Protein backbone atom coordinates (compact mmCIF):
# COMPACT_ATOMS: atom_id res chain seq x y z
CA MET A 1 4.82 -0.91 7.65
CA ASN A 2 4.67 2.34 9.36
CA ARG A 3 1.39 4.49 9.77
CA LEU A 4 1.90 8.07 8.38
CA TYR A 5 -0.69 10.92 8.44
CA PHE A 6 -0.87 13.66 6.19
CA GLU A 7 -2.91 17.34 6.20
CA SER A 8 -5.14 18.23 3.52
CA GLY A 9 -3.08 19.83 0.75
CA LYS A 10 0.19 17.98 1.54
CA THR A 11 2.14 16.55 -1.45
CA ILE A 12 2.78 12.96 -0.57
CA ILE A 13 4.81 11.88 -3.48
CA ARG A 14 6.17 13.91 -6.56
CA GLU A 15 6.45 12.83 -10.09
CA GLY A 16 10.02 12.02 -11.10
CA GLU A 17 11.29 11.49 -7.59
CA ASN A 18 12.86 8.21 -6.61
CA SER A 19 11.56 6.04 -3.83
CA THR A 20 10.99 2.66 -2.53
CA ASP A 21 7.66 3.27 -0.53
CA ALA A 22 4.19 2.33 -1.42
CA PHE A 23 1.17 3.68 0.40
CA PHE A 24 -2.26 2.34 1.61
CA ILE A 25 -5.17 4.79 2.10
CA GLU A 26 -6.67 3.82 5.27
CA SER A 27 -9.29 6.71 5.13
CA GLY A 28 -9.57 10.02 3.18
CA GLU A 29 -8.91 10.90 -0.47
CA VAL A 30 -5.96 11.99 -2.71
CA LYS A 31 -5.70 13.43 -6.19
CA ILE A 32 -3.26 12.16 -8.80
CA LEU A 33 -1.53 14.74 -11.21
CA LYS A 34 0.49 14.13 -14.29
CA GLY A 35 2.34 17.49 -14.68
CA LYS A 36 -0.40 20.03 -13.65
CA LYS A 37 -3.21 18.04 -15.00
CA GLU A 38 -5.45 16.01 -12.31
CA ILE A 39 -5.99 12.52 -13.76
CA GLY A 40 -7.96 10.97 -10.93
CA THR A 41 -8.52 10.41 -7.31
CA LEU A 42 -8.14 7.65 -4.91
CA LYS A 43 -10.16 6.86 -1.59
CA GLU A 44 -9.86 4.41 1.24
CA ASN A 45 -8.44 0.95 0.78
CA ALA A 46 -6.35 2.11 -2.34
CA ILE A 47 -2.74 1.61 -3.03
CA PHE A 48 -0.54 4.07 -4.82
CA GLY A 49 3.35 4.36 -5.15
CA GLU A 50 3.83 0.67 -5.79
CA HIS A 51 6.04 1.35 -8.83
CA GLY A 52 8.65 2.64 -6.44
CA CYS A 53 8.85 -0.65 -4.80
CA ILE A 54 9.36 -2.54 -8.12
CA GLY A 55 12.66 -1.89 -9.60
CA HIS A 56 13.23 1.36 -7.98
CA LYS A 57 11.34 3.41 -10.70
CA PRO A 58 10.85 7.23 -10.62
CA ARG A 59 7.48 8.36 -9.50
CA THR A 60 5.05 8.53 -12.43
CA ALA A 61 2.60 10.89 -10.96
CA THR A 62 2.26 13.41 -8.20
CA VAL A 63 -0.23 12.56 -5.29
CA VAL A 64 -1.56 15.36 -3.07
CA ALA A 65 -3.91 14.78 -0.04
CA LEU A 66 -7.45 16.20 -0.74
CA THR A 67 -8.42 15.47 2.97
CA PRO A 68 -6.56 14.50 6.14
CA LEU A 69 -5.03 11.13 5.73
């Protein structure tokens, strides 16, 4: 596991891209977008991107940092 840091406003994952990474939010908040529509937020202790680890599926949403992470 690697520790990564993101500035507020940074896109962490983009819908449709392929990846094998999942992310755990230690502190901070992100927003989740389907297309251009915000569908939710996640805060500390949440995990996202896990579908990329299971079967190497394309990202189903875009995740953007709302606060520094």
